Amino acid sequence: MEGLTGADIESLCKKATLSAIVEIQRGKRLAPFVVTRGDFLAVLEADRSNPKQLNAGNDPAIPPEICGEMCLVQPRTDEVGSMSYTELSVWTRGIIMDKEGRDIVNSISASARKEGKHAQSMENYVDNPDRTNCPTRKYCRVSDSVLENELTYENDHPNIVVLVEGTMVKGWDYMRGMPPGGTLVINTHYTPEYMIRFVPGADRLAQLVCVDAAKLADHKWLYYRLGQLGLDRLSTEGAAERSNAIAPDIAAPLIAAVVKSTGIVKMETIQPMIANQKAFELALHELHILPLNPVAA
């Protein structure tokens, strides 16, 4: 287990369990149902020999509804070359910026469904978002066809990654699993040319987008609004939000940056949902995009 994070271990447990379920359904294993040491070793060995992990989705004998995390849906392109399946992962801070991350994925997912696409959004409780300032993830998936991995808990291959807070650019591999041609959006007052030095695996990016969301939203930031921090604590575990509006704060310019740089949904679909229209409009003109040349997989 050396070198594995908590999320890696949880993923390993899920895959070993799913592997055992598959063998039971194929009649290769008899009751009672037990996940053995051999199941874990088989998954570890498969992952070491194939960094892209087990891909049971290519095996027609395994029903998609039971293969879960082993069924990896790779990004696809349609006839004109635009992405028909997109994974968006948003990194934010537990409790203090929970709503901001949630507003990004929820608004994009809702917009995609309005446009007749298939979409879902969710949060990741592996990251323990009820810890103040803890890095945590929110997910969104958008597809032209029915989502084949609705029961998969995490985005394994994010095409778009958003960092809601600028210092998150350092410290861990938030780019893990991104296929070549991805987009990274950062809330920062620095330029993309400066920020790219901190990005792990930057050779996978087609573009790096920076927008000073805190400035555009006139955000008084955490340490200047301690009176609201108590209310922020209500935004977890399904409790009341401090505001029922969608993107009243720094989420608005970040949503604008994502939509303008990637076209994941149409601008005219999502903009009416946004509460902070001023910050949204400003971001469309003040974001900075650094085009890059991603290497092949």
C-alpha atoms as a PDB file:
ATOM      1  CA  MET A   1       0.000   0.000   0.000  1.00  0.00           C
ATOM      2  CA  GLU A   2       3.061   2.256   0.072  1.00  0.00           C
ATOM      3  CA  GLY A   3       2.591   5.370  -2.048  1.00  0.00           C
ATOM      4  CA  LEU A   4      -1.217   5.062  -2.181  1.00  0.00           C
ATOM      5  CA  THR A   5      -3.473   7.858  -0.963  1.00  0.00           C
ATOM      6  CA  GLY A   6      -6.689   7.280   0.963  1.00  0.00           C
ATOM      7  CA  ALA A   7      -8.655   7.833  -2.245  1.00  0.00           C
ATOM      8  CA  ASP A   8      -6.446   5.266  -4.032  1.00  0.00           C
ATOM      9  CA  ILE A   9      -7.123   2.683  -1.329  1.00  0.00           C
ATOM     10  CA  GLU A  10     -10.873   3.331  -1.470  1.00  0.00           C
ATOM     11  CA  SER A  11     -10.774   2.934  -5.259  1.00  0.00           C
ATOM     12  CA  LEU A  12      -8.811  -0.315  -4.859  1.00  0.00           C
ATOM     13  CA  CYS A  13     -11.434  -1.673  -2.454  1.00  0.00           C
ATOM     14  CA  LYS A  14     -14.243  -0.821  -4.869  1.00  0.00           C
ATOM     15  CA  LYS A  15     -12.499  -2.474  -7.808  1.00  0.00           C
ATOM     16  CA  ALA A  16     -11.693  -5.635  -5.854  1.00  0.00           C
ATOM     17  CA  THR A  17     -15.340  -5.865  -4.717  1.00  0.00           C
ATOM     18  CA  LEU A  18     -16.633  -5.316  -8.242  1.00  0.00           C
ATOM     19  CA  SER A  19     -14.226  -7.919  -9.601  1.00  0.00           C
ATOM     20  CA  ALA A  20     -15.597 -10.435  -7.107  1.00  0.00           C
ATOM     21  CA  ILE A  21     -19.185  -9.534  -8.083  1.00  0.00           C
ATOM     22  CA  VAL A  22     -18.369 -10.148 -11.747  1.00  0.00           C
ATOM     23  CA  GLU A  23     -16.965 -13.598 -10.972  1.00  0.00           C
ATOM     24  CA  ILE A  24     -20.062 -14.490  -8.933  1.00  0.00           C
ATOM     25  CA  GLN A  25     -22.347 -13.435 -11.814  1.00  0.00           C
ATOM     26  CA  ARG A  26     -20.273 -15.427 -14.316  1.00  0.00           C
ATOM     27  CA  GLY A  27     -20.511 -18.520 -12.133  1.00  0.00           C
ATOM     28  CA  LYS A  28     -16.747 -18.664 -11.575  1.00  0.00           C
ATOM     29  CA  ARG A  29     -17.137 -18.276  -7.823  1.00  0.00           C
ATOM     30  CA  LEU A  30     -19.548 -19.940  -5.420  1.00  0.00           C
ATOM     31  CA  ALA A  31     -21.381 -18.473  -2.432  1.00  0.00           C
ATOM     32  CA  PRO A  32     -20.820 -17.132   0.156  1.00  0.00           C
ATOM     33  CA  PHE A  33     -19.670 -13.832  -1.337  1.00  0.00           C
ATOM     34  CA  VAL A  34     -16.200 -12.934  -0.054  1.00  0.00           C
ATOM     35  CA  VAL A  35     -13.648 -10.417  -1.314  1.00  0.00           C
ATOM     36  CA  THR A  36     -10.325 -12.189  -0.958  1.00  0.00           C
ATOM     37  CA  ARG A  37      -6.709 -11.087  -0.737  1.00  0.00           C
ATOM     38  CA  GLY A  38      -6.303 -12.432  -4.251  1.00  0.00           C
ATOM     39  CA  ASP A  39      -8.898  -9.941  -5.549  1.00  0.00           C
ATOM     40  CA  PHE A  40      -6.887  -7.039  -4.158  1.00  0.00           C
ATOM     41  CA  LEU A  41      -3.599  -8.377  -5.527  1.00  0.00           C
ATOM     42  CA  ALA A  42      -5.144  -8.896  -8.979  1.00  0.00           C
ATOM     43  CA  VAL A  43      -6.351  -5.279  -9.077  1.00  0.00           C
ATOM     44  CA  LEU A  44      -2.976  -3.965  -7.896  1.00  0.00           C
ATOM     45  CA  GLU A  45      -1.164  -5.993 -10.529  1.00  0.00           C
ATOM     46  CA  ALA A  46      -3.533  -4.819 -13.271  1.00  0.00           C
ATOM     47  CA  ASP A  47      -3.063  -1.186 -12.263  1.00  0.00           C
ATOM     48  CA  ARG A  48       0.724  -1.514 -12.232  1.00  0.00           C
ATOM     49  CA  SER A  49       0.793  -3.051 -15.687  1.00  0.00           C
ATOM     50  CA  ASN A  50      -1.785  -0.590 -17.045  1.00  0.00           C
ATOM     51  CA  PRO A  51      -1.655   2.921 -15.565  1.00  0.00           C
ATOM     52  CA  LYS A  52      -5.039   3.676 -17.100  1.00  0.00           C
ATOM     53  CA  GLN A  53      -6.544   1.062 -14.726  1.00  0.00           C
ATOM     54  CA  LEU A  54      -8.863  -1.850 -15.381  1.00  0.00           C
ATOM     55  CA  ASN A  55     -11.141  -1.209 -18.325  1.00  0.00           C
ATOM     56  CA  ALA A  56     -13.967  -3.667 -17.955  1.00  0.00           C
ATOM     57  CA  GLY A  57     -16.073  -1.465 -20.191  1.00  0.00           C
ATOM     58  CA  ASN A  58     -14.518  -3.176 -23.211  1.00  0.00           C
ATOM     59  CA  ASP A  59     -15.742  -6.594 -22.082  1.00  0.00           C
ATOM     60  CA  PRO A  60     -19.286  -7.205 -23.389  1.00  0.00           C
ATOM     61  CA  ALA A  61     -19.756 -10.003 -20.876  1.00  0.00           C
ATOM     62  CA  ILE A  62     -19.767  -7.532 -17.987  1.00  0.00           C
ATOM     63  CA  PRO A  63     -22.995  -5.526 -17.747  1.00  0.00           C
ATOM     64  CA  PRO A  64     -22.351  -1.753 -17.474  1.00  0.00           C
ATOM     65  CA  GLU A  65     -24.675  -1.454 -14.483  1.00  0.00           C
ATOM     66  CA  ILE A  66     -22.409  -3.617 -12.319  1.00  0.00           C
ATOM     67  CA  CYS A  67     -18.911  -2.741 -13.462  1.00  0.00           C
ATOM     68  CA  GLY A  68     -18.903   0.675 -11.748  1.00  0.00           C
ATOM     69  CA  GLU A  69     -15.446   2.192 -11.470  1.00  0.00           C
ATOM     70  CA  MET A  70     -13.951  -0.478 -13.707  1.00  0.00           C
ATOM     71  CA  CYS A  71     -15.995   0.835 -16.660  1.00  0.00           C
ATOM     72  CA  LEU A  72     -14.031   3.869 -17.710  1.00  0.00           C
ATOM     73  CA  VAL A  73     -15.761   6.014 -20.312  1.00  0.00           C
ATOM     74  CA  GLN A  74     -13.046   7.704 -22.320  1.00  0.00           C
ATOM     75  CA  PRO A  75     -13.747  11.115 -23.879  1.00  0.00           C
ATOM     76  CA  ARG A  76     -15.194  10.719 -27.366  1.00  0.00           C
ATOM     77  CA  THR A  77     -15.341  13.073 -30.317  1.00  0.00           C
ATOM     78  CA  ASP A  78     -18.142  13.405 -32.821  1.00  0.00           C
ATOM     79  CA  GLU A  79     -17.865  13.919 -36.582  1.00  0.00           C
ATOM     80  CA  VAL A  80     -16.937  17.597 -36.342  1.00  0.00           C
ATOM     81  CA  GLY A  81     -14.335  16.933 -33.640  1.00  0.00           C
ATOM     82  CA  SER A  82     -16.092  18.514 -30.645  1.00  0.00           C
ATOM     83  CA  MET A  83     -16.162  16.689 -27.327  1.00  0.00           C
ATOM     84  CA  SER A  84     -19.307  14.592 -26.913  1.00  0.00           C
ATOM     85  CA  TYR A  85     -18.429  13.362 -23.402  1.00  0.00           C
ATOM     86  CA  THR A  86     -16.794  15.732 -20.933  1.00  0.00           C
ATOM     87  CA  GLU A  87     -15.724  15.362 -17.324  1.00  0.00           C
ATOM     88  CA  LEU A  88     -15.375  18.513 -15.207  1.00  0.00           C
ATOM     89  CA  SER A  89     -13.674  18.370 -11.799  1.00  0.00           C
ATOM     90  CA  VAL A  90     -13.742  21.371  -9.454  1.00  0.00           C
ATOM     91  CA  TRP A  91     -11.273  21.597  -6.569  1.00  0.00           C
ATOM     92  CA  THR A  92     -12.458  23.833  -3.732  1.00  0.00           C
ATOM     93  CA  ARG A  93     -12.067  24.295   0.037  1.00  0.00           C
ATOM     94  CA  GLY A  94     -14.206  22.384   2.524  1.00  0.00           C
ATOM     95  CA  ILE A  95     -16.947  24.433   4.244  1.00  0.00           C
ATOM     96  CA  ILE A  96     -15.596  27.924   3.465  1.00  0.00           C
ATOM     97  CA  MET A  97     -15.899  27.548  -0.329  1.00  0.00           C
ATOM     98  CA  ASP A  98     -18.235  24.575  -0.536  1.00  0.00           C
ATOM     99  CA  LYS A  99     -21.092  26.477  -2.141  1.00  0.00           C
ATOM    100  CA  GLU A 100     -18.824  28.081  -4.735  1.00  0.00           C
ATOM    101  CA  GLY A 101     -17.674  24.701  -6.049  1.00  0.00           C
ATOM    102  CA  ARG A 102     -21.192  23.304  -5.891  1.00  0.00           C
ATOM    103  CA  ASP A 103     -22.620  26.224  -7.879  1.00  0.00           C
ATOM    104  CA  ILE A 104     -20.143  25.624 -10.715  1.00  0.00           C
ATOM    105  CA  VAL A 105     -20.991  21.965 -11.289  1.00  0.00           C
ATOM    106  CA  ASN A 106     -24.720  22.324 -10.607  1.00  0.00           C
ATOM    107  CA  SER A 107     -25.219  25.240 -13.003  1.00  0.00           C
ATOM    108  CA  ILE A 108     -23.259  23.620 -15.834  1.00  0.00           C
ATOM    109  CA  SER A 109     -25.076  20.308 -15.359  1.00  0.00           C
ATOM    110  CA  ALA A 110     -28.482  22.031 -15.303  1.00  0.00           C
ATOM    111  CA  SER A 111     -27.607  24.025 -18.428  1.00  0.00           C
ATOM    112  CA  ALA A 112     -26.522  20.895 -20.286  1.00  0.00           C
ATOM    113  CA  ARG A 113     -29.844  19.201 -19.495  1.00  0.00           C
ATOM    114  CA  LYS A 114     -31.717  22.274 -20.753  1.00  0.00           C
ATOM    115  CA  GLU A 115     -29.851  21.835 -24.030  1.00  0.00           C
ATOM    116  CA  GLY A 116     -31.046  18.236 -24.309  1.00  0.00           C
ATOM    117  CA  LYS A 117     -27.788  16.645 -23.187  1.00  0.00           C
ATOM    118  CA  HIS A 118     -27.281  14.019 -20.516  1.00  0.00           C
ATOM    119  CA  ALA A 119     -25.576  15.402 -17.416  1.00  0.00           C
ATOM    120  CA  GLN A 120     -25.029  14.846 -13.726  1.00  0.00           C
ATOM    121  CA  SER A 121     -23.254  16.632 -10.886  1.00  0.00           C
ATOM    122  CA  MET A 122     -22.089  15.312  -7.527  1.00  0.00           C
ATOM    123  CA  GLU A 123     -19.754  15.885  -4.600  1.00  0.00           C
ATOM    124  CA  ASN A 124     -16.883  13.756  -3.347  1.00  0.00           C
ATOM    125  CA  TYR A 125     -17.098  12.766   0.285  1.00  0.00           C
ATOM    126  CA  VAL A 126     -13.817  10.844   0.073  1.00  0.00           C
ATOM    127  CA  ASP A 127     -12.234  14.270   0.602  1.00  0.00           C
ATOM    128  CA  ASN A 128     -14.114  14.849   3.883  1.00  0.00           C
ATOM    129  CA  PRO A 129     -15.566  18.262   2.906  1.00  0.00           C
ATOM    130  CA  ASP A 130     -16.810  18.911   6.452  1.00  0.00           C
ATOM    131  CA  ARG A 131     -13.281  19.882   7.454  1.00  0.00           C
ATOM    132  CA  THR A 132     -12.638  23.626   7.170  1.00  0.00           C
ATOM    133  CA  ASN A 133     -10.265  24.504   4.319  1.00  0.00           C
ATOM    134  CA  CYS A 134      -9.767  20.848   3.363  1.00  0.00           C
ATOM    135  CA  PRO A 135      -9.277  20.361  -0.423  1.00  0.00           C
ATOM    136  CA  THR A 136     -12.426  18.773  -1.794  1.00  0.00           C
ATOM    137  CA  ARG A 137     -13.848  17.981  -5.228  1.00  0.00           C
ATOM    138  CA  LYS A 138     -17.109  18.517  -7.051  1.00  0.00           C
ATOM    139  CA  TYR A 139     -17.866  16.686 -10.299  1.00  0.00           C
ATOM    140  CA  CYS A 140     -19.885  17.250 -13.448  1.00  0.00           C
ATOM    141  CA  ARG A 141     -20.333  15.014 -16.500  1.00  0.00           C
ATOM    142  CA  VAL A 142     -21.897  16.081 -19.779  1.00  0.00           C
ATOM    143  CA  SER A 143     -22.617  13.761 -22.705  1.00  0.00           C
ATOM    144  CA  ASP A 144     -24.499  13.803 -26.013  1.00  0.00           C
ATOM    145  CA  SER A 145     -25.611  10.239 -25.278  1.00  0.00           C
ATOM    146  CA  VAL A 146     -26.759   8.380 -22.163  1.00  0.00           C
ATOM    147  CA  LEU A 147     -24.105   8.401 -19.447  1.00  0.00           C
ATOM    148  CA  GLU A 148     -22.678   4.924 -19.108  1.00  0.00           C
ATOM    149  CA  ASN A 149     -20.899   5.605 -15.808  1.00  0.00           C
ATOM    150  CA  GLU A 150     -23.585   7.238 -13.675  1.00  0.00           C
ATOM    151  CA  LEU A 151     -22.688   5.013 -10.724  1.00  0.00           C
ATOM    152  CA  THR A 152     -18.958   5.759 -10.910  1.00  0.00           C
ATOM    153  CA  TYR A 153     -18.121   7.852  -7.875  1.00  0.00           C
ATOM    154  CA  GLU A 154     -15.216   9.942  -9.176  1.00  0.00           C
ATOM    155  CA  ASN A 155     -14.098  11.515 -12.440  1.00  0.00           C
ATOM    156  CA  ASP A 156     -11.149   9.391 -13.517  1.00  0.00           C
ATOM    157  CA  HIS A 157     -10.312  11.393 -16.660  1.00  0.00           C
ATOM    158  CA  PRO A 158     -11.272  15.071 -16.208  1.00  0.00           C
ATOM    159  CA  ASN A 159     -11.143  17.105 -19.405  1.00  0.00           C
ATOM    160  CA  ILE A 160     -11.631  20.330 -17.438  1.00  0.00           C
ATOM    161  CA  VAL A 161     -10.238  21.121 -13.976  1.00  0.00           C
ATOM    162  CA  VAL A 162     -11.139  24.238 -11.966  1.00  0.00           C
ATOM    163  CA  LEU A 163      -9.222  25.514  -8.920  1.00  0.00           C
ATOM    164  CA  VAL A 164     -11.575  27.740  -6.931  1.00  0.00           C
ATOM    165  CA  GLU A 165      -8.716  29.078  -4.790  1.00  0.00           C
ATOM    166  CA  GLY A 166      -5.338  30.043  -6.258  1.00  0.00           C
ATOM    167  CA  THR A 167      -3.007  28.451  -3.697  1.00  0.00           C
ATOM    168  CA  MET A 168      -4.435  25.038  -4.602  1.00  0.00           C
ATOM    169  CA  VAL A 169      -2.139  25.085  -7.644  1.00  0.00           C
ATOM    170  CA  LYS A 170       0.591  23.645  -5.392  1.00  0.00           C
ATOM    171  CA  GLY A 171       0.685  20.524  -3.262  1.00  0.00           C
ATOM    172  CA  TRP A 172      -0.972  17.611  -5.111  1.00  0.00           C
ATOM    173  CA  ASP A 173      -1.690  16.202  -8.551  1.00  0.00           C
ATOM    174  CA  TYR A 174      -5.093  17.676  -9.416  1.00  0.00           C
ATOM    175  CA  MET A 175      -4.249  16.937 -13.074  1.00  0.00           C
ATOM    176  CA  ARG A 176      -4.167  13.183 -12.519  1.00  0.00           C
ATOM    177  CA  GLY A 177      -5.991  11.264 -15.241  1.00  0.00           C
ATOM    178  CA  MET A 178      -6.483  14.237 -17.557  1.00  0.00           C
ATOM    179  CA  PRO A 179      -6.195  13.169 -21.218  1.00  0.00           C
ATOM    180  CA  PRO A 180      -4.200  15.344 -23.640  1.00  0.00           C
ATOM    181  CA  GLY A 181      -6.076  18.466 -24.718  1.00  0.00           C
ATOM    182  CA  GLY A 182      -7.486  19.428 -21.330  1.00  0.00           C
ATOM    183  CA  THR A 183      -8.274  22.823 -19.793  1.00  0.00           C
ATOM    184  CA  LEU A 184      -7.230  24.148 -16.383  1.00  0.00           C
ATOM    185  CA  VAL A 185      -9.045  27.196 -14.940  1.00  0.00           C
ATOM    186  CA  ILE A 186      -7.548  28.967 -11.902  1.00  0.00           C
ATOM    187  CA  ASN A 187      -8.916  31.749  -9.706  1.00  0.00           C
ATOM    188  CA  THR A 188      -5.826  33.953  -9.463  1.00  0.00           C
ATOM    189  CA  HIS A 189      -4.580  37.469 -10.147  1.00  0.00           C
ATOM    190  CA  TYR A 190      -1.396  36.025 -11.677  1.00  0.00           C
ATOM    191  CA  THR A 191      -0.962  35.447 -15.412  1.00  0.00           C
ATOM    192  CA  PRO A 192      -1.084  31.973 -17.005  1.00  0.00           C
ATOM    193  CA  GLU A 193       2.556  32.392 -18.029  1.00  0.00           C
ATOM    194  CA  TYR A 194       3.480  32.652 -14.338  1.00  0.00           C
ATOM    195  CA  MET A 195       1.103  29.992 -12.984  1.00  0.00           C
ATOM    196  CA  ILE A 196       2.047  27.252 -15.450  1.00  0.00           C
ATOM    197  CA  ARG A 197       5.323  26.628 -13.614  1.00  0.00           C
ATOM    198  CA  PHE A 198       3.346  25.164 -10.706  1.00  0.00           C
ATOM    199  CA  VAL A 199       1.048  22.894 -12.751  1.00  0.00           C
ATOM    200  CA  PRO A 200       1.864  19.154 -12.585  1.00  0.00           C
ATOM    201  CA  GLY A 201       1.633  17.467 -15.971  1.00  0.00           C
ATOM    202  CA  ALA A 202       1.134  20.762 -17.811  1.00  0.00           C
ATOM    203  CA  ASP A 203       2.094  19.052 -21.077  1.00  0.00           C
ATOM    204  CA  ARG A 204      -1.433  17.588 -21.152  1.00  0.00           C
ATOM    205  CA  LEU A 205      -3.069  21.013 -21.360  1.00  0.00           C
ATOM    206  CA  ALA A 206      -4.459  22.599 -24.499  1.00  0.00           C
ATOM    207  CA  GLN A 207      -5.019  25.824 -22.562  1.00  0.00           C
ATOM    208  CA  LEU A 208      -4.447  27.380 -19.158  1.00  0.00           C
ATOM    209  CA  VAL A 209      -7.076  29.923 -18.124  1.00  0.00           C
ATOM    210  CA  CYS A 210      -6.620  32.450 -15.308  1.00  0.00           C
ATOM    211  CA  VAL A 211      -9.303  34.806 -14.017  1.00  0.00           C
ATOM    212  CA  ASP A 212      -9.209  37.022 -10.940  1.00  0.00           C
ATOM    213  CA  ALA A 213     -12.588  35.858  -9.695  1.00  0.00           C
ATOM    214  CA  ALA A 214     -12.114  37.266  -6.187  1.00  0.00           C
ATOM    215  CA  LYS A 215     -11.523  40.766  -7.569  1.00  0.00           C
ATOM    216  CA  LEU A 216     -14.277  40.639 -10.191  1.00  0.00           C
ATOM    217  CA  ALA A 217     -16.843  39.446  -7.653  1.00  0.00           C
ATOM    218  CA  ASP A 218     -15.649  42.080  -5.150  1.00  0.00           C
ATOM    219  CA  HIS A 219     -15.076  39.241  -2.742  1.00  0.00           C
ATOM    220  CA  LYS A 220     -14.027  40.276   0.758  1.00  0.00           C
ATOM    221  CA  TRP A 221     -12.398  36.873   1.172  1.00  0.00           C
ATOM    222  CA  LEU A 222     -12.566  34.648   4.177  1.00  0.00           C
ATOM    223  CA  TYR A 223     -10.516  36.615   6.663  1.00  0.00           C
ATOM    224  CA  TYR A 224     -12.440  39.812   5.996  1.00  0.00           C
ATOM    225  CA  ARG A 225     -15.904  38.311   6.416  1.00  0.00           C
ATOM    226  CA  LEU A 226     -15.663  36.254   9.592  1.00  0.00           C
ATOM    227  CA  GLY A 227     -19.254  37.167  10.414  1.00  0.00           C
ATOM    228  CA  GLN A 228     -20.376  35.029   7.472  1.00  0.00           C
ATOM    229  CA  LEU A 229     -18.071  32.124   8.270  1.00  0.00           C
ATOM    230  CA  GLY A 230     -20.586  30.746  10.772  1.00  0.00           C
ATOM    231  CA  LEU A 231     -23.204  30.758   8.030  1.00  0.00           C
ATOM    232  CA  ASP A 232     -20.784  29.042   5.634  1.00  0.00           C
ATOM    233  CA  ARG A 233     -20.668  26.143   8.072  1.00  0.00           C
ATOM    234  CA  LEU A 234     -24.330  25.514   7.348  1.00  0.00           C
ATOM    235  CA  SER A 235     -23.617  24.757   3.692  1.00  0.00           C
ATOM    236  CA  THR A 236     -22.588  21.135   4.293  1.00  0.00           C
ATOM    237  CA  GLU A 237     -24.526  17.928   4.910  1.00  0.00           C
ATOM    238  CA  GLY A 238     -27.634  19.274   3.171  1.00  0.00           C
ATOM    239  CA  ALA A 239     -28.231  22.120   5.625  1.00  0.00           C
ATOM    240  CA  ALA A 240     -29.427  25.574   4.593  1.00  0.00           C
ATOM    241  CA  GLU A 241     -27.115  27.580   2.326  1.00  0.00           C
ATOM    242  CA  ARG A 242     -26.127  31.126   3.261  1.00  0.00           C
ATOM    243  CA  SER A 243     -27.712  32.113  -0.081  1.00  0.00           C
ATOM    244  CA  ASN A 244     -30.176  30.301  -2.320  1.00  0.00           C
ATOM    245  CA  ALA A 245     -28.984  32.250  -5.358  1.00  0.00           C
ATOM    246  CA  ILE A 246     -26.772  30.497  -7.931  1.00  0.00           C
ATOM    247  CA  ALA A 247     -23.259  31.944  -8.117  1.00  0.00           C
ATOM    248  CA  PRO A 248     -23.721  35.160  -6.109  1.00  0.00           C
ATOM    249  CA  ASP A 249     -19.976  35.298  -5.471  1.00  0.00           C
ATOM    250  CA  ILE A 250     -16.698  34.063  -6.992  1.00  0.00           C
ATOM    251  CA  ALA A 251     -18.385  31.146  -8.761  1.00  0.00           C
ATOM    252  CA  ALA A 252     -19.863  33.564 -11.321  1.00  0.00           C
ATOM    253  CA  PRO A 253     -16.588  34.608 -13.006  1.00  0.00           C
ATOM    254  CA  LEU A 254     -15.254  31.049 -12.806  1.00  0.00           C
ATOM    255  CA  ILE A 255     -18.349  29.713 -14.586  1.00  0.00           C
ATOM    256  CA  ALA A 256     -17.916  32.396 -17.249  1.00  0.00           C
ATOM    257  CA  ALA A 257     -14.272  31.378 -17.724  1.00  0.00           C
ATOM    258  CA  VAL A 258     -15.139  27.677 -18.054  1.00  0.00           C
ATOM    259  CA  VAL A 259     -17.952  28.225 -20.549  1.00  0.00           C
ATOM    260  CA  LYS A 260     -16.095  30.761 -22.699  1.00  0.00           C
ATOM    261  CA  SER A 261     -12.879  28.724 -22.913  1.00  0.00           C
ATOM    262  CA  THR A 262     -14.413  25.272 -23.410  1.00  0.00           C
ATOM    263  CA  GLY A 263     -17.932  25.680 -24.810  1.00  0.00           C
ATOM    264  CA  ILE A 264     -19.158  22.890 -22.529  1.00  0.00           C
ATOM    265  CA  VAL A 265     -22.596  24.569 -22.621  1.00  0.00           C
ATOM    266  CA  LYS A 266     -23.985  27.577 -24.470  1.00  0.00           C
ATOM    267  CA  MET A 267     -23.497  31.017 -22.963  1.00  0.00           C
ATOM    268  CA  GLU A 268     -27.125  31.964 -23.555  1.00  0.00           C
ATOM    269  CA  THR A 269     -28.281  28.897 -21.612  1.00  0.00           C
ATOM    270  CA  ILE A 270     -26.244  29.370 -18.462  1.00  0.00           C
ATOM    271  CA  GLN A 271     -25.983  33.147 -18.096  1.00  0.00           C
ATOM    272  CA  PRO A 272     -29.629  33.733 -17.001  1.00  0.00           C
ATOM    273  CA  MET A 273     -29.059  31.360 -14.059  1.00  0.00           C
ATOM    274  CA  ILE A 274     -26.200  33.413 -12.606  1.00  0.00           C
ATOM    275  CA  ALA A 275     -26.967  35.799  -9.735  1.00  0.00           C
ATOM    276  CA  ASN A 276     -23.823  37.922 -10.029  1.00  0.00           C
ATOM    277  CA  GLN A 277     -24.279  39.118 -13.601  1.00  0.00           C
ATOM    278  CA  LYS A 278     -21.721  41.921 -13.243  1.00  0.00           C
ATOM    279  CA  ALA A 279     -18.897  39.555 -12.273  1.00  0.00           C
ATOM    280  CA  PHE A 280     -19.955  37.088 -14.977  1.00  0.00           C
ATOM    281  CA  GLU A 281     -19.830  39.765 -17.702  1.00  0.00           C
ATOM    282  CA  LEU A 282     -16.513  41.191 -16.480  1.00  0.00           C
ATOM    283  CA  ALA A 283     -14.897  37.752 -16.539  1.00  0.00           C
ATOM    284  CA  LEU A 284     -15.794  37.266 -20.197  1.00  0.00           C
ATOM    285  CA  HIS A 285     -13.574  40.228 -21.057  1.00  0.00           C
ATOM    286  CA  GLU A 286     -10.875  39.993 -18.391  1.00  0.00           C
ATOM    287  CA  LEU A 287      -9.926  36.308 -18.314  1.00  0.00           C
ATOM    288  CA  HIS A 288      -6.497  35.325 -19.644  1.00  0.00           C
ATOM    289  CA  ILE A 289      -6.078  32.256 -21.872  1.00  0.00           C
ATOM    290  CA  LEU A 290      -2.674  30.722 -22.621  1.00  0.00           C
ATOM    291  CA  PRO A 291      -2.925  28.312 -25.613  1.00  0.00           C
ATOM    292  CA  LEU A 292      -0.653  25.268 -25.319  1.00  0.00           C
ATOM    293  CA  ASN A 293       0.350  22.267 -27.416  1.00  0.00           C
ATOM    294  CA  PRO A 294      -0.531  19.053 -25.531  1.00  0.00           C
ATOM    295  CA  VAL A 295       1.604  15.994 -26.101  1.00  0.00           C
ATOM    296  CA  ALA A 296       0.060  12.744 -27.346  1.00  0.00           C
ATOM    297  CA  ALA A 297      -1.108  10.181 -24.789  1.00  0.00           C
END
